[in-house]
Amino acid sequence: MSTLAQYSLGRASEQAEVRRSLRERVEVRRGERVTRLIDFLSAVQEAERVAVDRYHHGESDEQWQARAKQSIDRMWVAQKTIHMLCGSEVNDAARLLAYDVQNVIRNGPAPGEPRDEMVWAYIRPNRRAFLDLVRDHLE
């Protein structure tokens, strides 16, 4: 009887350790996702500023073009980390937002004034969808 009790206690202890380890891994993975999502949002914000500089402030020189390429590249690298770490819904929303930002940098917003508001209006729907989806995903 004593051996059976010891075996049961040992087994319960092992199972508790496995559950604790799994919870820790899930929490670490969640933290990594949050970090990468913030990196992506930071890259998107930087790219939005590049678009505003072009279409509101009239910048288009070589320095602006270099910033535009760099910000687009950074944004897509950040999006690819989301693809690796998050589910397909979050990845799809991030990709749509990245395409919107890339398109507004390359082609400009729809005609109208003021141009900075048009840049944000162009990006806003997919940015909002991404943020809402991420919020729900992280809860």
C-alpha atoms as a PDB file:
ATOM      1  CA  MET A   1       0.000   0.000   0.000  1.00  0.00           C
ATOM      2  CA  SER A   2       2.848   2.360   0.895  1.00  0.00           C
ATOM      3  CA  THR A   3       4.550   1.723  -2.442  1.00  0.00           C
ATOM      4  CA  LEU A   4       1.327   2.461  -4.292  1.00  0.00           C
ATOM      5  CA  ALA A   5       0.856   5.724  -2.377  1.00  0.00           C
ATOM      6  CA  GLN A   6       4.438   6.769  -3.122  1.00  0.00           C
ATOM      7  CA  TYR A   7       3.961   5.927  -6.799  1.00  0.00           C
ATOM      8  CA  SER A   8       0.731   7.937  -6.946  1.00  0.00           C
ATOM      9  CA  LEU A   9       2.364  10.932  -5.239  1.00  0.00           C
ATOM     10  CA  GLY A  10       5.357  10.736  -7.569  1.00  0.00           C
ATOM     11  CA  ARG A  11       3.103  10.536 -10.610  1.00  0.00           C
ATOM     12  CA  ALA A  12       0.986  13.486  -9.434  1.00  0.00           C
ATOM     13  CA  SER A  13       4.143  15.488  -8.804  1.00  0.00           C
ATOM     14  CA  GLU A  14       5.427  14.725 -12.315  1.00  0.00           C
ATOM     15  CA  GLN A  15       2.111  15.747 -13.852  1.00  0.00           C
ATOM     16  CA  ALA A  16       2.078  18.990 -11.877  1.00  0.00           C
ATOM     17  CA  GLU A  17       5.623  19.740 -13.066  1.00  0.00           C
ATOM     18  CA  VAL A  18       4.625  19.085 -16.689  1.00  0.00           C
ATOM     19  CA  ARG A  19       1.633  21.445 -16.351  1.00  0.00           C
ATOM     20  CA  ARG A  20       3.780  24.135 -14.721  1.00  0.00           C
ATOM     21  CA  SER A  21       6.409  23.817 -17.446  1.00  0.00           C
ATOM     22  CA  LEU A  22       3.754  24.060 -20.150  1.00  0.00           C
ATOM     23  CA  ARG A  23       2.258  27.194 -18.548  1.00  0.00           C
ATOM     24  CA  GLU A  24       5.709  28.774 -18.401  1.00  0.00           C
ATOM     25  CA  ARG A  25       6.374  28.018 -22.067  1.00  0.00           C
ATOM     26  CA  VAL A  26       2.990  29.425 -23.067  1.00  0.00           C
ATOM     27  CA  GLU A  27       3.695  32.632 -21.125  1.00  0.00           C
ATOM     28  CA  VAL A  28       7.180  33.002 -22.637  1.00  0.00           C
ATOM     29  CA  ARG A  29       5.736  32.450 -26.117  1.00  0.00           C
ATOM     30  CA  ARG A  30       3.005  35.026 -25.448  1.00  0.00           C
ATOM     31  CA  GLY A  31       5.630  37.552 -24.353  1.00  0.00           C
ATOM     32  CA  GLU A  32       7.598  36.887 -27.519  1.00  0.00           C
ATOM     33  CA  ARG A  33       4.468  37.427 -29.628  1.00  0.00           C
ATOM     34  CA  VAL A  34       3.678  40.701 -27.870  1.00  0.00           C
ATOM     35  CA  THR A  35       7.235  41.910 -28.450  1.00  0.00           C
ATOM     36  CA  ARG A  36       7.074  41.080 -32.161  1.00  0.00           C
ATOM     37  CA  LEU A  37       3.635  42.643 -32.535  1.00  0.00           C
ATOM     38  CA  ILE A  38       4.954  45.845 -30.975  1.00  0.00           C
ATOM     39  CA  ASP A  39       7.953  45.716 -33.323  1.00  0.00           C
ATOM     40  CA  PHE A  40       5.568  45.442 -36.256  1.00  0.00           C
ATOM     41  CA  LEU A  41       3.439  48.346 -35.053  1.00  0.00           C
ATOM     42  CA  SER A  42       6.568  50.435 -34.595  1.00  0.00           C
ATOM     43  CA  ALA A  43       7.657  49.651 -38.158  1.00  0.00           C
ATOM     44  CA  VAL A  44       4.182  50.514 -39.476  1.00  0.00           C
ATOM     45  CA  GLN A  45       4.214  53.810 -37.582  1.00  0.00           C
ATOM     46  CA  GLU A  46       7.617  54.676 -39.020  1.00  0.00           C
ATOM     47  CA  ALA A  47       6.391  53.875 -42.531  1.00  0.00           C
ATOM     48  CA  GLU A  48       3.286  56.027 -41.992  1.00  0.00           C
ATOM     49  CA  ARG A  49       5.556  58.967 -41.122  1.00  0.00           C
ATOM     50  CA  VAL A  50       7.472  58.365 -44.352  1.00  0.00           C
ATOM     51  CA  ALA A  51       4.208  58.525 -46.319  1.00  0.00           C
ATOM     52  CA  VAL A  52       3.117  61.697 -44.537  1.00  0.00           C
ATOM     53  CA  ASP A  53       6.507  63.279 -45.206  1.00  0.00           C
ATOM     54  CA  ARG A  54       6.059  62.557 -48.896  1.00  0.00           C
ATOM     55  CA  TYR A  55       2.423  63.399 -49.437  1.00  0.00           C
ATOM     56  CA  HIS A  56       1.918  66.183 -46.921  1.00  0.00           C
ATOM     57  CA  HIS A  57       5.340  67.780 -46.686  1.00  0.00           C
ATOM     58  CA  GLY A  58       6.343  67.169 -50.308  1.00  0.00           C
ATOM     59  CA  GLU A  59       9.544  65.256 -49.621  1.00  0.00           C
ATOM     60  CA  SER A  60      10.776  62.993 -52.395  1.00  0.00           C
ATOM     61  CA  ASP A  61      14.541  63.418 -52.529  1.00  0.00           C
ATOM     62  CA  GLU A  62      17.069  60.592 -52.381  1.00  0.00           C
ATOM     63  CA  GLN A  63      17.118  60.690 -48.589  1.00  0.00           C
ATOM     64  CA  TRP A  64      13.347  60.240 -48.497  1.00  0.00           C
ATOM     65  CA  GLN A  65      13.551  57.384 -51.015  1.00  0.00           C
ATOM     66  CA  ALA A  66      16.170  55.636 -48.875  1.00  0.00           C
ATOM     67  CA  ARG A  67      13.971  56.083 -45.781  1.00  0.00           C
ATOM     68  CA  ALA A  68      10.981  54.738 -47.699  1.00  0.00           C
ATOM     69  CA  LYS A  69      12.832  51.601 -48.815  1.00  0.00           C
ATOM     70  CA  GLN A  70      14.272  51.047 -45.355  1.00  0.00           C
ATOM     71  CA  SER A  71      10.921  51.483 -43.612  1.00  0.00           C
ATOM     72  CA  ILE A  72       9.139  49.160 -46.054  1.00  0.00           C
ATOM     73  CA  ASP A  73      11.839  46.522 -45.597  1.00  0.00           C
ATOM     74  CA  ARG A  74      11.708  46.814 -41.804  1.00  0.00           C
ATOM     75  CA  MET A  75       7.922  46.543 -41.847  1.00  0.00           C
ATOM     76  CA  TRP A  76       7.964  43.394 -43.995  1.00  0.00           C
ATOM     77  CA  VAL A  77      10.622  41.738 -41.848  1.00  0.00           C
ATOM     78  CA  ALA A  78       8.498  42.469 -38.777  1.00  0.00           C
ATOM     79  CA  GLN A  79       5.446  41.073 -40.578  1.00  0.00           C
ATOM     80  CA  LYS A  80       7.324  37.860 -41.355  1.00  0.00           C
ATOM     81  CA  THR A  81       8.081  37.351 -37.664  1.00  0.00           C
ATOM     82  CA  ILE A  82       4.352  37.621 -37.017  1.00  0.00           C
ATOM     83  CA  HIS A  83       3.841  34.966 -39.681  1.00  0.00           C
ATOM     84  CA  MET A  84       6.255  32.688 -37.802  1.00  0.00           C
ATOM     85  CA  LEU A  85       4.867  33.292 -34.302  1.00  0.00           C
ATOM     86  CA  CYS A  86       1.146  34.037 -34.619  1.00  0.00           C
ATOM     87  CA  GLY A  87      -1.903  32.366 -36.046  1.00  0.00           C
ATOM     88  CA  SER A  88      -3.054  32.831 -39.612  1.00  0.00           C
ATOM     89  CA  GLU A  89      -5.748  35.387 -38.737  1.00  0.00           C
ATOM     90  CA  VAL A  90      -3.248  37.703 -37.066  1.00  0.00           C
ATOM     91  CA  ASN A  91      -0.755  37.163 -39.873  1.00  0.00           C
ATOM     92  CA  ASP A  92      -3.382  37.924 -42.529  1.00  0.00           C
ATOM     93  CA  ALA A  93      -4.384  41.135 -40.759  1.00  0.00           C
ATOM     94  CA  ALA A  94      -0.734  42.194 -40.432  1.00  0.00           C
ATOM     95  CA  ARG A  95      -0.114  41.457 -44.102  1.00  0.00           C
ATOM     96  CA  LEU A  96      -3.132  43.530 -45.199  1.00  0.00           C
ATOM     97  CA  LEU A  97      -1.956  46.435 -43.070  1.00  0.00           C
ATOM     98  CA  ALA A  98       1.585  46.160 -44.458  1.00  0.00           C
ATOM     99  CA  TYR A  99       0.249  46.170 -48.037  1.00  0.00           C
ATOM    100  CA  ASP A 100      -1.818  49.280 -47.305  1.00  0.00           C
ATOM    101  CA  VAL A 101       1.178  51.099 -45.867  1.00  0.00           C
ATOM    102  CA  GLN A 102       3.422  50.013 -48.724  1.00  0.00           C
ATOM    103  CA  ASN A 103       0.824  51.089 -51.299  1.00  0.00           C
ATOM    104  CA  VAL A 104       0.282  54.493 -49.720  1.00  0.00           C
ATOM    105  CA  ILE A 105       4.050  55.098 -49.656  1.00  0.00           C
ATOM    106  CA  ARG A 106       4.481  54.089 -53.287  1.00  0.00           C
ATOM    107  CA  ASN A 107       1.281  55.440 -54.820  1.00  0.00           C
ATOM    108  CA  GLY A 108       0.006  58.030 -52.376  1.00  0.00           C
ATOM    109  CA  PRO A 109      -3.447  58.307 -50.860  1.00  0.00           C
ATOM    110  CA  ALA A 110      -6.612  59.017 -52.762  1.00  0.00           C
ATOM    111  CA  PRO A 111      -6.975  62.618 -53.957  1.00  0.00           C
ATOM    112  CA  GLY A 112      -8.137  65.153 -51.394  1.00  0.00           C
ATOM    113  CA  GLU A 113      -6.986  67.545 -48.701  1.00  0.00           C
ATOM    114  CA  PRO A 114      -5.281  67.527 -46.284  1.00  0.00           C
ATOM    115  CA  ARG A 115      -2.906  64.879 -47.568  1.00  0.00           C
ATOM    116  CA  ASP A 116      -1.745  63.642 -44.144  1.00  0.00           C
ATOM    117  CA  GLU A 117      -5.349  62.886 -43.213  1.00  0.00           C
ATOM    118  CA  MET A 118      -5.758  61.005 -46.490  1.00  0.00           C
ATOM    119  CA  VAL A 119      -2.706  58.850 -45.687  1.00  0.00           C
ATOM    120  CA  TRP A 120      -4.167  57.923 -42.315  1.00  0.00           C
ATOM    121  CA  ALA A 121      -7.648  57.415 -43.744  1.00  0.00           C
ATOM    122  CA  TYR A 122      -6.223  54.990 -46.293  1.00  0.00           C
ATOM    123  CA  ILE A 123      -4.407  52.947 -43.648  1.00  0.00           C
ATOM    124  CA  ARG A 124      -6.949  53.230 -40.809  1.00  0.00           C
ATOM    125  CA  PRO A 125      -9.385  50.378 -41.676  1.00  0.00           C
ATOM    126  CA  ASN A 126      -6.768  47.624 -41.839  1.00  0.00           C
ATOM    127  CA  ARG A 127      -4.786  49.082 -38.935  1.00  0.00           C
ATOM    128  CA  ARG A 128      -7.954  49.011 -36.836  1.00  0.00           C
ATOM    129  CA  ALA A 129      -8.784  45.456 -37.929  1.00  0.00           C
ATOM    130  CA  PHE A 130      -5.258  44.330 -37.033  1.00  0.00           C
ATOM    131  CA  LEU A 131      -5.340  45.968 -33.600  1.00  0.00           C
ATOM    132  CA  ASP A 132      -8.787  44.562 -32.787  1.00  0.00           C
ATOM    133  CA  LEU A 133      -7.785  41.073 -33.869  1.00  0.00           C
ATOM    134  CA  VAL A 134      -4.545  41.167 -31.877  1.00  0.00           C
ATOM    135  CA  ARG A 135      -6.382  42.384 -28.787  1.00  0.00           C
ATOM    136  CA  ASP A 136      -8.839  39.499 -29.053  1.00  0.00           C
ATOM    137  CA  HIS A 137      -6.030  37.050 -29.785  1.00  0.00           C
ATOM    138  CA  LEU A 138      -4.039  38.065 -26.720  1.00  0.00           C
ATOM    139  CA  GLU A 139      -6.952  37.848 -24.265  1.00  0.00           C
END
